[in-house]
Amino acid sequence: MLKRVISLLFLGSLLISCATDKNTRTTSSGPVFDITTYGAVDNPQTSSADAFRQAIAACHQAGGGTVRVPAGKFLTGPIDMVDNMTLQVDTNAVVLFETDRAKYPDISSRWEGLTENGPHPLIFANGLHHIAIIGPGTFDGQGAAWWATMDMAEHGNARPNRPIRRRPMLLQIKDCTDVRIDRCNFINSPFWAVHLLYSEHIDVGHCRIINPPDSPNTDALNTDSCRHVLVHDCYADVGDDAFGIKSGRDEEGRKMNRPTEYVTYLRCHVAHAHSVCAIGSEESGSVRHVRFLDCDGDGTDNGIRIKSTRGRGGIVEDIVASHFRLHNVRNAIIFSLRYTKTPVEPFSERTPLFRDIHVDHVTARDSRNCCVIEGLEECPIQNVTLTDLDLSGTNGVTCAYAKNITFKNVRLTAQTQPFVEDHSENIRRLNWTQLPAK
């Protein structure tokens, strides 16, 4: 009980801090630099890249201000933000990005958990403070051209000899502090849409992130080795995970040891995606003090998902997922240390650990699997509480290689396998109601 109270106090202080700071941070009061003043043209076939660069350079020289994109369709190459800059995209403004790979010189950054070379993000904030990107206009990454030229060496997790990346992030915030992203639309991202990396004190709100359902690796928003992040009132319909949390991969991630912590995803809504909210599978730097609150998914592959595998290492702990509404998902709740197929090995720094996880007030309808908790032979998932659940689907609840799991106030309707327990210890079911399938 004490731990639950502390968690709620942490959440309240975080939300109050973010709400207070939002009125004082990342709000430009300086001069406005309209890109049309510098020669930008409302024509998606004509590059306005020089106009963007000149407007940003003038903003930098002035010590900060707002670079404004008025209504119209403007084509550009990469955008590099500067300190104290607000990038404002007005109503009916669309920023389209050129698709010539040569326009995006290689940079060194983190890609799916490892440091690699790859193309400059379409919008890049690197080592900055006091910046904002605000809408309600649209950033269009024109991803189709990038997806058509990718090869299978880019796709998937098993790439022992990785080539230089060919597809850029739409937006990467790297090594930044004091960031606000508000009321923007991000569409057709070549790779991940929004990547928050090595940064802190970030507020992302009221954004829409949309990519085709078959677009590869087009996660909506990933928080990666960051601290003090609030993502709220956002919508995603994408080709991979919607709202994810990561912290590096395998030995490199463990050596860097940059955890993601004090993160809240609040009132996020998801249509098609691999997950509504996900942690992993790149969590080798550890993840802690995370809250997923008041979210819903309709047609996603997974609802609440925490995933890892042998070799990652890292600890995922003090996680709360509360008040979820899920419909037509493959797995409503899934915590798995078997993201990839690996042989059993002794417990070591390579062994990922999930513990101290709380899930409550979840309603799920038409799931394939209502709840799956699967640890490892050498490391069970442990200390999980799941309360006030109303779940229905084809298969019920599975606990395999799990320890100290408590279900309380559960209504379950399953067509088959309502409850399976395998190689588990201290699995408690309190006030468990099992209803016949209709």
Protein backbone atom coordinates (compact mmCIF):
# COMPACT_ATOMS: atom_id res chain seq x y z
CA MET A 1 0.00 0.00 0.00
CA LEU A 2 2.79 2.42 0.90
CA LYS A 3 4.49 1.81 -2.44
CA ARG A 4 1.24 2.51 -4.28
CA VAL A 5 0.80 5.81 -2.40
CA ILE A 6 4.37 6.81 -3.22
CA SER A 7 3.74 6.01 -6.88
CA LEU A 8 0.66 8.21 -6.95
CA LEU A 9 2.51 11.03 -5.23
CA PHE A 10 5.27 10.74 -7.83
CA LEU A 11 2.72 10.94 -10.64
CA GLY A 12 0.97 13.94 -9.12
CA SER A 13 4.18 15.86 -8.65
CA LEU A 14 5.27 15.06 -12.20
CA LEU A 15 2.02 16.26 -13.76
CA ILE A 16 1.96 19.42 -11.65
CA SER A 17 5.57 20.13 -12.58
CA CYS A 18 4.90 19.65 -16.28
CA ALA A 19 1.73 21.72 -16.21
CA THR A 20 3.47 24.55 -14.37
CA ASP A 21 6.55 24.45 -16.54
CA LYS A 22 4.50 24.39 -19.74
CA ASN A 23 3.43 27.96 -19.10
CA THR A 24 6.96 29.19 -18.51
CA ARG A 25 9.13 27.03 -20.76
CA THR A 26 9.58 26.74 -24.53
CA THR A 27 7.23 29.63 -25.27
CA SER A 28 8.88 32.05 -27.68
CA SER A 29 8.58 35.73 -26.92
CA GLY A 30 11.26 36.79 -29.37
CA PRO A 31 11.11 37.87 -33.00
CA VAL A 32 9.31 35.92 -35.73
CA PHE A 33 11.15 34.74 -38.84
CA ASP A 34 8.64 33.85 -41.58
CA ILE A 35 10.22 31.50 -44.12
CA THR A 36 8.47 33.30 -47.00
CA THR A 37 10.43 36.44 -46.10
CA TYR A 38 13.54 34.47 -46.98
CA GLY A 39 12.22 33.18 -50.30
CA ALA A 40 10.20 30.06 -49.45
CA VAL A 41 7.57 29.26 -52.08
CA ASP A 42 4.25 27.49 -51.72
CA ASN A 43 5.09 24.74 -54.20
CA PRO A 44 5.80 21.11 -53.22
CA GLN A 45 7.93 20.66 -56.35
CA THR A 46 10.31 23.55 -55.61
CA SER A 47 12.83 23.33 -52.79
CA SER A 48 12.67 26.00 -50.10
CA ALA A 49 15.60 24.50 -48.20
CA ASP A 50 17.70 27.68 -48.49
CA ALA A 51 14.85 29.78 -47.10
CA PHE A 52 14.52 27.47 -44.09
CA ARG A 53 18.27 27.67 -43.46
CA GLN A 54 18.33 31.46 -43.72
CA ALA A 55 15.36 31.89 -41.39
CA ILE A 56 16.93 29.57 -38.82
CA ALA A 57 20.28 31.34 -39.11
CA ALA A 58 18.57 34.70 -38.47
CA CYS A 59 16.80 33.21 -35.45
CA HIS A 60 20.11 31.91 -34.12
CA GLN A 61 21.82 35.27 -34.62
CA ALA A 62 19.01 36.99 -32.72
CA GLY A 63 19.46 34.65 -29.79
CA GLY A 64 16.17 32.86 -30.40
CA GLY A 65 12.64 33.38 -31.64
CA THR A 66 10.05 31.71 -33.84
CA VAL A 67 10.67 30.32 -37.30
CA ARG A 68 7.20 30.39 -38.83
CA VAL A 69 5.82 28.26 -41.65
CA PRO A 70 2.58 29.84 -42.93
CA ALA A 71 -0.23 28.06 -44.75
CA GLY A 72 0.96 26.33 -47.91
CA LYS A 73 3.06 23.38 -49.02
CA PHE A 74 6.80 23.86 -48.64
CA LEU A 75 9.52 21.42 -49.70
CA THR A 76 12.80 21.31 -47.81
CA GLY A 77 15.79 19.21 -46.91
CA PRO A 78 16.88 18.56 -43.32
CA ILE A 79 16.00 21.12 -40.66
CA ASP A 80 18.58 21.79 -37.91
CA MET A 81 17.11 23.58 -34.94
CA VAL A 82 19.04 26.01 -32.72
CA ASP A 83 18.87 27.04 -29.06
CA ASN A 84 15.83 29.04 -27.95
CA MET A 85 14.01 28.33 -31.22
CA THR A 86 10.33 27.63 -31.77
CA LEU A 87 9.44 25.99 -35.08
CA GLN A 88 5.82 26.98 -35.73
CA VAL A 89 3.79 25.30 -38.48
CA ASP A 90 0.51 27.13 -38.97
CA THR A 91 -2.93 25.78 -39.81
CA ASN A 92 -2.95 24.35 -43.35
CA ALA A 93 0.84 24.46 -43.51
CA VAL A 94 2.61 21.33 -44.73
CA VAL A 95 6.36 20.83 -44.62
CA LEU A 96 7.41 18.11 -47.06
CA PHE A 97 10.90 16.67 -46.97
CA GLU A 98 13.05 15.87 -49.96
CA THR A 99 13.72 12.16 -50.54
CA ASP A 100 17.20 12.35 -52.07
CA ARG A 101 19.47 10.38 -49.73
CA ALA A 102 22.39 12.65 -50.64
CA LYS A 103 20.62 15.56 -48.93
CA TYR A 104 20.93 13.79 -45.55
CA PRO A 105 24.62 13.34 -44.65
CA ASP A 106 25.52 10.56 -42.24
CA ILE A 107 25.55 11.24 -38.52
CA SER A 108 26.37 8.98 -35.60
CA SER A 109 23.36 8.27 -33.41
CA ARG A 110 21.46 5.43 -31.79
CA TRP A 111 19.43 3.21 -34.10
CA GLU A 112 17.29 0.50 -32.49
CA GLY A 113 19.52 0.53 -29.43
CA LEU A 114 23.01 0.61 -31.01
CA THR A 115 25.31 3.45 -32.04
CA GLU A 116 25.54 3.48 -35.83
CA ASN A 117 25.93 5.81 -38.77
CA GLY A 118 22.81 6.81 -40.61
CA PRO A 119 21.10 9.63 -42.43
CA HIS A 120 20.57 13.00 -40.75
CA PRO A 121 17.04 13.19 -39.28
CA LEU A 122 14.53 15.23 -41.25
CA ILE A 123 14.24 17.51 -38.20
CA PHE A 124 17.20 17.42 -35.82
CA ALA A 125 17.72 19.04 -32.43
CA ASN A 126 21.17 18.14 -31.15
CA GLY A 127 22.54 19.37 -27.83
CA LEU A 128 20.05 22.21 -27.49
CA HIS A 129 17.95 23.79 -24.77
CA HIS A 130 14.69 25.73 -24.62
CA ILE A 131 13.19 24.63 -27.93
CA ALA A 132 9.67 23.98 -29.19
CA ILE A 133 7.93 22.55 -32.24
CA ILE A 134 4.30 23.60 -32.43
CA GLY A 135 1.40 23.11 -34.82
CA PRO A 136 -1.28 22.63 -35.88
CA GLY A 137 0.40 22.11 -39.25
CA THR A 138 1.90 18.93 -40.70
CA PHE A 139 5.34 17.46 -41.25
CA ASP A 140 5.26 14.96 -44.12
CA GLY A 141 8.31 12.70 -44.39
CA GLN A 142 7.24 11.30 -47.78
CA GLY A 143 8.24 7.88 -46.50
CA ALA A 144 7.04 5.86 -49.49
CA ALA A 145 10.17 6.74 -51.47
CA TRP A 146 12.37 5.54 -48.61
CA TRP A 147 10.42 2.33 -47.99
CA ALA A 148 10.63 1.39 -51.66
CA THR A 149 14.45 1.50 -51.70
CA MET A 150 15.21 -0.22 -48.38
CA ASP A 151 16.70 -3.71 -48.44
CA MET A 152 16.05 -6.60 -46.10
CA ALA A 153 19.37 -5.98 -44.31
CA GLU A 154 17.68 -2.94 -42.76
CA HIS A 155 14.61 -4.85 -41.63
CA GLY A 156 14.35 -6.92 -38.47
CA ASN A 157 16.59 -7.39 -35.45
CA ALA A 158 19.19 -9.90 -36.67
CA ARG A 159 21.84 -7.87 -38.53
CA PRO A 160 25.35 -9.05 -37.57
CA ASN A 161 26.96 -6.89 -40.28
CA ARG A 162 24.76 -3.83 -40.42
CA PRO A 163 25.03 -1.47 -43.38
CA ILE A 164 24.84 2.28 -43.02
CA ARG A 165 21.23 3.14 -42.37
CA ARG A 166 19.30 4.35 -45.37
CA ARG A 167 16.21 5.83 -43.74
CA PRO A 168 16.14 8.85 -41.43
CA MET A 169 14.05 9.58 -38.38
CA LEU A 170 11.41 12.21 -39.01
CA LEU A 171 12.26 14.03 -35.76
CA GLN A 172 15.11 13.31 -33.37
CA ILE A 173 15.61 15.23 -30.13
CA LYS A 174 19.12 14.31 -28.93
CA ASP A 175 20.99 15.53 -25.85
CA CYS A 176 18.47 18.32 -25.30
CA THR A 177 16.79 19.86 -22.27
CA ASP A 178 13.59 21.84 -21.94
CA VAL A 179 11.62 20.73 -24.99
CA ARG A 180 7.97 21.15 -25.97
CA ILE A 181 6.24 19.54 -28.94
CA ASP A 182 2.60 20.53 -29.23
CA ARG A 183 -0.31 20.03 -31.66
CA CYS A 184 1.80 18.83 -34.57
CA ASN A 185 0.95 16.26 -37.20
CA PHE A 186 3.71 13.85 -38.24
CA ILE A 187 2.93 11.63 -41.24
CA ASN A 188 4.73 9.23 -43.59
CA SER A 189 7.89 8.93 -41.54
CA PRO A 190 10.72 7.08 -43.33
CA PHE A 191 11.69 5.37 -40.04
CA TRP A 192 10.65 6.21 -36.47
CA ALA A 193 8.54 9.35 -36.37
CA VAL A 194 9.61 10.96 -33.07
CA HIS A 195 12.75 9.82 -31.24
CA LEU A 196 13.55 11.36 -27.86
CA LEU A 197 17.16 10.43 -27.08
CA TYR A 198 19.51 11.26 -24.17
CA SER A 199 17.26 14.20 -23.24
CA GLU A 200 15.23 15.44 -20.29
CA HIS A 201 12.37 17.72 -19.32
CA ILE A 202 10.21 17.10 -22.37
CA ASP A 203 6.50 17.75 -22.89
CA VAL A 204 4.81 16.25 -25.97
CA GLY A 205 1.09 16.90 -26.28
CA HIS A 206 -1.86 16.81 -28.68
CA CYS A 207 0.13 15.37 -31.58
CA ARG A 208 -1.09 13.05 -34.34
CA ILE A 209 1.36 10.53 -35.78
CA ILE A 210 0.13 8.59 -38.81
CA ASN A 211 1.95 6.11 -41.06
CA PRO A 212 0.52 3.34 -43.27
CA PRO A 213 -0.04 0.06 -41.40
CA ASP A 214 2.43 -1.78 -43.64
CA SER A 215 5.21 0.83 -43.38
CA PRO A 216 8.35 -0.75 -41.84
CA ASN A 217 9.76 0.32 -38.46
CA THR A 218 7.57 3.42 -38.30
CA ASP A 219 7.16 3.65 -34.52
CA ALA A 220 5.18 6.71 -33.51
CA LEU A 221 7.19 7.97 -30.50
CA ASN A 222 10.06 6.36 -28.63
CA THR A 223 11.53 7.69 -25.39
CA ASP A 224 15.11 6.40 -25.30
CA SER A 225 17.51 6.93 -22.36
CA CYS A 226 15.60 10.04 -21.27
CA ARG A 227 14.40 11.45 -17.94
CA HIS A 228 11.37 13.48 -16.92
CA VAL A 229 9.16 13.08 -19.98
CA LEU A 230 5.41 13.64 -20.29
CA VAL A 231 3.59 12.50 -23.45
CA HIS A 232 -0.13 13.25 -23.35
CA ASP A 233 -3.25 13.44 -25.48
CA CYS A 234 -1.56 12.02 -28.56
CA TYR A 235 -2.94 9.78 -31.34
CA ALA A 236 -1.05 7.16 -33.32
CA ASP A 237 -1.89 4.95 -36.29
CA VAL A 238 1.39 3.46 -37.49
CA GLY A 239 3.26 0.42 -38.82
CA ASP A 240 5.11 -0.53 -35.62
CA ASP A 241 4.90 0.25 -31.89
CA ALA A 242 2.95 3.39 -31.06
CA PHE A 243 4.36 4.74 -27.78
CA GLY A 244 7.57 2.99 -26.78
CA ILE A 245 10.29 3.20 -24.16
CA LYS A 246 13.90 2.07 -24.71
CA SER A 247 17.37 2.45 -23.17
CA GLY A 248 19.99 0.83 -25.38
CA ARG A 249 20.79 -2.64 -26.56
CA ASP A 250 22.92 -5.51 -25.29
CA GLU A 251 26.51 -4.92 -24.12
CA GLU A 252 26.71 -1.37 -25.46
CA GLY A 253 23.50 -0.38 -23.68
CA ARG A 254 24.68 -1.88 -20.41
CA LYS A 255 28.05 -0.11 -20.61
CA MET A 256 26.45 3.25 -21.39
CA ASN A 257 24.08 2.68 -18.48
CA ARG A 258 21.68 5.50 -19.36
CA PRO A 259 18.28 4.43 -18.03
CA THR A 260 14.93 5.81 -19.05
CA GLU A 261 13.10 6.99 -15.95
CA TYR A 262 10.32 9.24 -14.71
CA VAL A 263 8.21 8.98 -17.84
CA THR A 264 4.43 9.28 -18.12
CA TYR A 265 2.29 8.48 -21.16
CA LEU A 266 -1.16 9.91 -20.49
CA ARG A 267 -4.42 9.77 -22.50
CA CYS A 268 -2.82 8.33 -25.62
CA HIS A 269 -5.05 6.78 -28.28
CA VAL A 270 -3.95 4.17 -30.80
CA ALA A 271 -5.53 2.57 -33.84
CA HIS A 272 -3.29 0.24 -35.85
CA ALA A 273 0.12 -0.43 -34.31
CA HIS A 274 2.16 -3.29 -32.91
CA SER A 275 1.51 -2.01 -29.37
CA VAL A 276 -0.34 0.77 -27.61
CA CYS A 277 2.41 1.23 -25.03
CA ALA A 278 5.60 -0.83 -25.05
CA ILE A 279 8.84 -1.16 -23.12
CA GLY A 280 11.74 -2.81 -24.96
CA SER A 281 13.01 -4.85 -26.45
CA GLU A 282 16.04 -2.53 -26.26
CA GLU A 283 16.09 -1.85 -22.51
CA SER A 284 19.65 -2.81 -21.58
CA GLY A 285 20.28 0.50 -19.81
CA SER A 286 17.24 -0.22 -17.59
CA VAL A 287 13.80 1.39 -17.37
CA ARG A 288 12.18 2.54 -14.15
CA HIS A 289 9.47 4.81 -12.75
CA VAL A 290 7.17 4.69 -15.79
CA ARG A 291 3.43 5.37 -15.87
CA PHE A 292 1.05 4.44 -18.71
CA LEU A 293 -2.30 6.05 -17.83
CA ASP A 294 -5.76 6.32 -19.38
CA CYS A 295 -4.93 4.97 -22.83
CA ASP A 296 -6.90 3.00 -25.42
CA GLY A 297 -6.27 0.83 -28.47
CA ASP A 298 -8.54 -0.51 -31.18
CA GLY A 299 -7.08 -2.99 -33.65
CA THR A 300 -3.53 -2.94 -32.28
CA ASP A 301 -1.49 -6.12 -32.14
CA ASN A 302 -0.76 -5.67 -28.43
CA GLY A 303 -2.14 -3.47 -25.69
CA ILE A 304 0.31 -3.21 -22.77
CA ARG A 305 3.59 -4.85 -23.76
CA ILE A 306 6.94 -5.25 -21.99
CA LYS A 307 9.43 -7.30 -24.00
CA SER A 308 13.04 -8.39 -23.82
CA THR A 309 15.26 -11.39 -24.46
CA ARG A 310 18.44 -13.08 -23.29
CA GLY A 311 21.50 -11.00 -24.03
CA ARG A 312 19.84 -7.65 -23.35
CA GLY A 313 20.31 -7.49 -19.59
CA GLY A 314 18.90 -4.44 -17.84
CA ILE A 315 16.16 -4.07 -15.25
CA VAL A 316 12.58 -2.96 -15.88
CA GLU A 317 10.98 -1.97 -12.58
CA ASP A 318 8.40 0.26 -10.93
CA ILE A 319 6.03 0.27 -13.90
CA VAL A 320 2.34 1.20 -13.62
CA ALA A 321 -0.26 0.74 -16.37
CA SER A 322 -3.66 1.99 -15.32
CA HIS A 323 -7.08 2.54 -16.94
CA PHE A 324 -6.74 0.99 -20.38
CA ARG A 325 -9.52 0.25 -22.85
CA LEU A 326 -8.63 -2.29 -25.52
CA HIS A 327 -10.62 -3.79 -28.37
CA ASN A 328 -9.68 -6.37 -30.98
CA VAL A 329 -6.06 -6.77 -29.91
CA ARG A 330 -3.93 -9.89 -30.22
CA ASN A 331 -2.53 -9.69 -26.67
CA ALA A 332 -4.22 -7.38 -24.21
CA ILE A 333 -1.44 -7.63 -21.60
CA ILE A 334 1.89 -9.30 -22.37
CA PHE A 335 5.12 -9.32 -20.38
CA SER A 336 7.69 -11.52 -22.10
CA LEU A 337 11.38 -12.24 -21.72
CA ARG A 338 11.23 -14.40 -24.85
CA TYR A 339 11.11 -11.79 -27.59
CA THR A 340 13.59 -13.89 -29.56
CA LYS A 341 14.28 -17.61 -29.40
CA THR A 342 17.48 -18.20 -27.42
CA PRO A 343 19.02 -21.17 -25.57
CA VAL A 344 18.94 -21.33 -21.77
CA GLU A 345 22.01 -19.80 -20.14
CA PRO A 346 23.11 -19.09 -16.55
CA PHE A 347 21.93 -15.91 -14.87
CA SER A 348 24.38 -13.07 -15.61
CA GLU A 349 24.52 -9.41 -16.62
CA ARG A 350 23.07 -10.59 -19.95
CA THR A 351 19.84 -11.64 -18.21
CA PRO A 352 16.98 -9.11 -18.34
CA LEU A 353 14.90 -8.69 -15.20
CA PHE A 354 11.26 -7.54 -14.93
CA ARG A 355 9.92 -6.79 -11.46
CA ASP A 356 7.57 -4.56 -9.47
CA ILE A 357 4.91 -4.03 -12.13
CA HIS A 358 1.34 -2.96 -11.41
CA VAL A 359 -1.60 -3.11 -13.85
CA ASP A 360 -5.10 -2.00 -12.93
CA HIS A 361 -8.46 -1.11 -14.44
CA VAL A 362 -8.03 -2.72 -17.84
CA THR A 363 -10.99 -3.58 -20.05
CA ALA A 364 -10.26 -5.74 -23.11
CA ARG A 365 -12.67 -7.20 -25.63
CA ASP A 366 -12.11 -9.67 -28.48
CA SER A 367 -8.48 -10.43 -27.64
CA ARG A 368 -6.67 -13.50 -28.83
CA ASN A 369 -4.79 -13.73 -25.50
CA CYS A 370 -6.08 -11.84 -22.48
CA CYS A 371 -2.86 -11.91 -20.45
CA VAL A 372 0.54 -13.54 -20.93
CA ILE A 373 3.38 -13.42 -18.40
CA GLU A 374 6.40 -15.44 -19.52
CA GLY A 375 9.78 -15.24 -17.88
CA LEU A 376 12.93 -17.32 -18.28
CA GLU A 377 14.07 -20.54 -16.65
CA GLU A 378 16.97 -18.64 -15.04
CA CYS A 379 14.96 -15.51 -14.24
CA PRO A 380 11.20 -15.49 -13.65
CA ILE A 381 9.18 -12.31 -13.97
CA GLN A 382 8.40 -11.34 -10.39
CA ASN A 383 6.33 -9.13 -8.12
CA VAL A 384 3.46 -8.25 -10.45
CA THR A 385 -0.02 -7.18 -9.34
CA LEU A 386 -3.00 -7.05 -11.68
CA THR A 387 -6.21 -5.65 -10.24
CA ASP A 388 -9.65 -4.69 -11.50
CA LEU A 389 -9.44 -6.42 -14.88
CA ASP A 390 -12.36 -7.18 -17.19
CA LEU A 391 -10.97 -9.33 -20.00
CA SER A 392 -12.51 -11.40 -22.76
CA GLY A 393 -10.92 -13.29 -25.62
CA THR A 394 -10.03 -16.61 -27.16
CA ASN A 395 -7.40 -17.58 -24.59
CA GLY A 396 -7.35 -16.50 -20.96
CA VAL A 397 -4.32 -16.01 -18.70
CA THR A 398 -0.93 -17.73 -18.92
CA CYS A 399 1.79 -17.53 -16.28
CA ALA A 400 5.04 -19.30 -17.17
CA TYR A 401 8.28 -18.91 -15.24
CA ALA A 402 6.72 -16.27 -13.04
CA LYS A 403 6.93 -15.60 -9.30
CA ASN A 404 4.84 -13.62 -6.83
CA ILE A 405 2.02 -12.70 -9.20
CA THR A 406 -1.28 -11.48 -7.74
CA PHE A 407 -4.57 -11.17 -9.63
CA LYS A 408 -7.33 -9.36 -7.75
CA ASN A 409 -10.87 -8.45 -8.82
CA VAL A 410 -10.72 -10.14 -12.22
CA ARG A 411 -13.60 -10.92 -14.58
CA LEU A 412 -12.45 -13.29 -17.31
CA THR A 413 -14.30 -14.66 -20.30
CA ALA A 414 -12.23 -17.07 -22.40
CA GLN A 415 -13.20 -19.60 -25.04
CA THR A 416 -10.29 -21.89 -24.17
CA GLN A 417 -7.44 -22.16 -21.65
CA PRO A 418 -8.89 -19.75 -19.09
CA PHE A 419 -5.87 -20.15 -16.79
CA VAL A 420 -2.53 -21.85 -17.40
CA GLU A 421 0.25 -21.96 -14.83
CA ASP A 422 3.65 -23.39 -15.77
CA HIS A 423 6.87 -23.46 -13.73
CA SER A 424 5.59 -20.62 -11.58
CA GLU A 425 5.53 -19.87 -7.87
CA ASN A 426 3.13 -18.03 -5.59
CA ILE A 427 0.47 -17.17 -8.18
CA ARG A 428 -2.55 -15.81 -6.29
CA ARG A 429 -6.06 -15.24 -7.64
CA LEU A 430 -8.30 -13.18 -5.36
CA ASN A 431 -11.92 -12.44 -6.22
CA TRP A 432 -11.48 -14.15 -9.59
CA THR A 433 -14.68 -14.53 -11.64
CA GLN A 434 -14.57 -16.81 -14.64
CA LEU A 435 -17.51 -16.41 -16.99
CA PRO A 436 -18.61 -18.83 -19.72
CA ALA A 437 -17.78 -17.88 -23.28
CA LYS A 438 -20.75 -16.71 -25.30
